[in-house]
Amino acid sequence: MKAMLTGFVAIAVIAVGANLILDNAGFAARDVQSGAAVRLD
């Protein structure tokens, strides 16, 4: 049971970390799919 909970925590940490890294690196969908003429709020 302890190993399974540790795995769930590790998955959550990896998912949040990957989201933050990719968002700051400019790989977010809003950055990739929009051009200079698009206004995003």
PDB file of N, CA and C in Angstrom:
ATOM      1  N   MET A   1       0.821  -1.193   0.000  1.00  0.00           N
ATOM      2  CA  MET A   1       0.000   0.000   0.000  1.00  0.00           C
ATOM      3  C   MET A   1       0.875   1.271   0.000  1.00  0.00           C
ATOM      4  N   LYS A   2       1.964   1.218   0.762  1.00  0.00           N
ATOM      5  CA  LYS A   2       2.852   2.371   0.829  1.00  0.00           C
ATOM      6  C   LYS A   2       3.501   2.646  -0.529  1.00  0.00           C
ATOM      7  N   ALA A   3       3.867   1.591  -1.234  1.00  0.00           N
ATOM      8  CA  ALA A   3       4.492   1.761  -2.548  1.00  0.00           C
ATOM      9  C   ALA A   3       3.508   2.362  -3.546  1.00  0.00           C
ATOM     10  N   MET A   4       2.252   1.960  -3.466  1.00  0.00           N
ATOM     11  CA  MET A   4       1.248   2.488  -4.388  1.00  0.00           C
ATOM     12  C   MET A   4       0.996   3.975  -4.121  1.00  0.00           C
ATOM     13  N   LEU A   5       0.911   4.365  -2.860  1.00  0.00           N
ATOM     14  CA  LEU A   5       0.718   5.783  -2.535  1.00  0.00           C
ATOM     15  C   LEU A   5       1.935   6.613  -2.948  1.00  0.00           C
ATOM     16  N   THR A   6       3.117   6.063  -2.766  1.00  0.00           N
ATOM     17  CA  THR A   6       4.330   6.748  -3.212  1.00  0.00           C
ATOM     18  C   THR A   6       4.327   6.924  -4.729  1.00  0.00           C
ATOM     19  N   GLY A   7       3.854   5.918  -5.441  1.00  0.00           N
ATOM     20  CA  GLY A   7       3.742   6.010  -6.892  1.00  0.00           C
ATOM     21  C   GLY A   7       2.763   7.084  -7.334  1.00  0.00           C
ATOM     22  N   PHE A   8       1.622   7.163  -6.642  1.00  0.00           N
ATOM     23  CA  PHE A   8       0.639   8.201  -6.977  1.00  0.00           C
ATOM     24  C   PHE A   8       1.200   9.595  -6.737  1.00  0.00           C
ATOM     25  N   VAL A   9       1.911   9.766  -5.639  1.00  0.00           N
ATOM     26  CA  VAL A   9       2.526  11.066  -5.352  1.00  0.00           C
ATOM     27  C   VAL A   9       3.582  11.394  -6.403  1.00  0.00           C
ATOM     28  N   ALA A  10       4.374  10.406  -6.796  1.00  0.00           N
ATOM     29  CA  ALA A  10       5.399  10.634  -7.810  1.00  0.00           C
ATOM     30  C   ALA A  10       4.771  11.028  -9.146  1.00  0.00           C
ATOM     31  N   ILE A  11       3.676  10.377  -9.523  1.00  0.00           N
ATOM     32  CA  ILE A  11       2.986  10.719 -10.775  1.00  0.00           C
ATOM     33  C   ILE A  11       2.485  12.157 -10.725  1.00  0.00           C
ATOM     34  N   ALA A  12       1.909  12.558  -9.594  1.00  0.00           N
ATOM     35  CA  ALA A  12       1.394  13.924  -9.464  1.00  0.00           C
ATOM     36  C   ALA A  12       2.531  14.945  -9.545  1.00  0.00           C
ATOM     37  N   VAL A  13       3.646  14.659  -8.890  1.00  0.00           N
ATOM     38  CA  VAL A  13       4.783  15.588  -8.909  1.00  0.00           C
ATOM     39  C   VAL A  13       5.358  15.705 -10.321  1.00  0.00           C
ATOM     40  N   ILE A  14       5.483  14.587 -11.015  1.00  0.00           N
ATOM     41  CA  ILE A  14       6.002  14.608 -12.385  1.00  0.00           C
ATOM     42  C   ILE A  14       5.059  15.372 -13.307  1.00  0.00           C
ATOM     43  N   ALA A  15       3.753  15.169 -13.170  1.00  0.00           N
ATOM     44  CA  ALA A  15       2.787  15.854 -14.034  1.00  0.00           C
ATOM     45  C   ALA A  15       2.808  17.361 -13.815  1.00  0.00           C
ATOM     46  N   VAL A  16       2.820  17.785 -12.562  1.00  0.00           N
ATOM     47  CA  VAL A  16       2.836  19.226 -12.274  1.00  0.00           C
ATOM     48  C   VAL A  16       4.163  19.835 -12.715  1.00  0.00           C
ATOM     49  N   GLY A  17       5.264  19.140 -12.448  1.00  0.00           N
ATOM     50  CA  GLY A  17       6.573  19.650 -12.855  1.00  0.00           C
ATOM     51  C   GLY A  17       6.703  19.764 -14.361  1.00  0.00           C
ATOM     52  N   ALA A  18       6.231  18.763 -15.092  1.00  0.00           N
ATOM     53  CA  ALA A  18       6.296  18.814 -16.552  1.00  0.00           C
ATOM     54  C   ALA A  18       5.448  19.951 -17.096  1.00  0.00           C
ATOM     55  N   ASN A  19       4.274  20.160 -16.503  1.00  0.00           N
ATOM     56  CA  ASN A  19       3.411  21.247 -16.944  1.00  0.00           C
ATOM     57  C   ASN A  19       4.099  22.599 -16.740  1.00  0.00           C
ATOM     58  N   LEU A  20       4.698  22.803 -15.594  1.00  0.00           N
ATOM     59  CA  LEU A  20       5.379  24.072 -15.327  1.00  0.00           C
ATOM     60  C   LEU A  20       6.579  24.279 -16.246  1.00  0.00           C
ATOM     61  N   ILE A  21       7.360  23.234 -16.447  1.00  0.00           N
ATOM     62  CA  ILE A  21       8.550  23.350 -17.300  1.00  0.00           C
ATOM     63  C   ILE A  21       8.156  23.649 -18.744  1.00  0.00           C
ATOM     64  N   LEU A  22       7.176  22.913 -19.272  1.00  0.00           N
ATOM     65  CA  LEU A  22       6.773  23.128 -20.664  1.00  0.00           C
ATOM     66  C   LEU A  22       6.093  24.485 -20.852  1.00  0.00           C
ATOM     67  N   ASP A  23       5.338  24.916 -19.857  1.00  0.00           N
ATOM     68  CA  ASP A  23       4.681  26.223 -19.953  1.00  0.00           C
ATOM     69  C   ASP A  23       5.714  27.341 -19.961  1.00  0.00           C
ATOM     70  N   ASN A  24       6.733  27.244 -19.141  1.00  0.00           N
ATOM     71  CA  ASN A  24       7.770  28.281 -19.096  1.00  0.00           C
ATOM     72  C   ASN A  24       8.722  28.209 -20.285  1.00  0.00           C
ATOM     73  N   ALA A  25       8.820  27.066 -20.921  1.00  0.00           N
ATOM     74  CA  ALA A  25       9.717  26.909 -22.061  1.00  0.00           C
ATOM     75  C   ALA A  25       9.076  27.368 -23.374  1.00  0.00           C
ATOM     76  N   GLY A  26       7.799  27.725 -23.347  1.00  0.00           N
ATOM     77  CA  GLY A  26       7.133  28.192 -24.554  1.00  0.00           C
ATOM     78  C   GLY A  26       6.479  27.094 -25.359  1.00  0.00           C
ATOM     79  N   PHE A  27       6.280  25.926 -24.781  1.00  0.00           N
ATOM     80  CA  PHE A  27       5.646  24.831 -25.493  1.00  0.00           C
ATOM     81  C   PHE A  27       4.165  24.700 -25.157  1.00  0.00           C
ATOM     82  N   ALA A  28       3.595  25.695 -24.517  1.00  0.00           N
ATOM     83  CA  ALA A  28       2.170  25.659 -24.210  1.00  0.00           C
ATOM     84  C   ALA A  28       1.377  25.770 -25.515  1.00  0.00           C
ATOM     85  N   ALA A  29       0.198  25.192 -25.536  1.00  0.00           N
ATOM     86  CA  ALA A  29      -0.620  25.177 -26.750  1.00  0.00           C
ATOM     87  C   ALA A  29      -0.951  26.594 -27.203  1.00  0.00           C
ATOM     88  N   ARG A  30      -1.200  27.486 -26.262  1.00  0.00           N
ATOM     89  CA  ARG A  30      -1.541  28.864 -26.653  1.00  0.00           C
ATOM     90  C   ARG A  30      -0.367  29.574 -27.302  1.00  0.00           C
ATOM     91  N   ASP A  31       0.862  29.214 -26.922  1.00  0.00           N
ATOM     92  CA  ASP A  31       2.046  29.820 -27.533  1.00  0.00           C
ATOM     93  C   ASP A  31       2.356  29.216 -28.891  1.00  0.00           C
ATOM     94  N   VAL A  32       2.153  27.930 -29.029  1.00  0.00           N
ATOM     95  CA  VAL A  32       2.494  27.232 -30.271  1.00  0.00           C
ATOM     96  C   VAL A  32       1.472  27.516 -31.358  1.00  0.00           C
ATOM     97  N   GLN A  33       0.193  27.563 -31.026  1.00  0.00           N
ATOM     98  CA  GLN A  33      -0.880  27.661 -32.013  1.00  0.00           C
ATOM     99  C   GLN A  33      -1.243  29.101 -32.393  1.00  0.00           C
ATOM    100  N   SER A  34      -0.755  30.085 -31.674  1.00  0.00           N
ATOM    101  CA  SER A  34      -1.137  31.472 -31.974  1.00  0.00           C
ATOM    102  C   SER A  34       0.009  32.203 -32.664  1.00  0.00           C
ATOM    103  N   GLY A  35      -0.375  33.123 -33.529  1.00  0.00           N
ATOM    104  CA  GLY A  35       0.609  33.940 -34.227  1.00  0.00           C
ATOM    105  C   GLY A  35       0.695  35.318 -33.601  1.00  0.00           C
ATOM    106  N   ALA A  36       1.405  36.182 -34.249  1.00  0.00           N
ATOM    107  CA  ALA A  36       1.592  37.535 -33.725  1.00  0.00           C
ATOM    108  C   ALA A  36       0.317  38.367 -33.808  1.00  0.00           C
ATOM    109  N   ALA A  37      -0.614  38.015 -34.715  1.00  0.00           N
ATOM    110  CA  ALA A  37      -1.824  38.800 -34.911  1.00  0.00           C
ATOM    111  C   ALA A  37      -2.984  38.341 -34.017  1.00  0.00           C
ATOM    112  N   VAL A  38      -2.717  37.460 -33.078  1.00  0.00           N
ATOM    113  CA  VAL A  38      -3.780  36.932 -32.229  1.00  0.00           C
ATOM    114  C   VAL A  38      -3.655  37.536 -30.841  1.00  0.00           C
ATOM    115  N   ARG A  39      -4.765  38.070 -30.333  1.00  0.00           N
ATOM    116  CA  ARG A  39      -4.783  38.609 -28.985  1.00  0.00           C
ATOM    117  C   ARG A  39      -5.322  37.564 -28.026  1.00  0.00           C
ATOM    118  N   LEU A  40      -4.560  37.229 -27.023  1.00  0.00           N
ATOM    119  CA  LEU A  40      -5.018  36.310 -25.980  1.00  0.00           C
ATOM    120  C   LEU A  40      -5.013  37.040 -24.652  1.00  0.00           C
ATOM    121  N   ASP A  41      -6.056  36.812 -23.872  1.00  0.00           N
ATOM    122  CA  ASP A  41      -6.138  37.486 -22.549  1.00  0.00           C
ATOM    123  C   ASP A  41      -5.382  36.728 -21.513  1.00  0.00           C
TER     124      ASP A  41
END
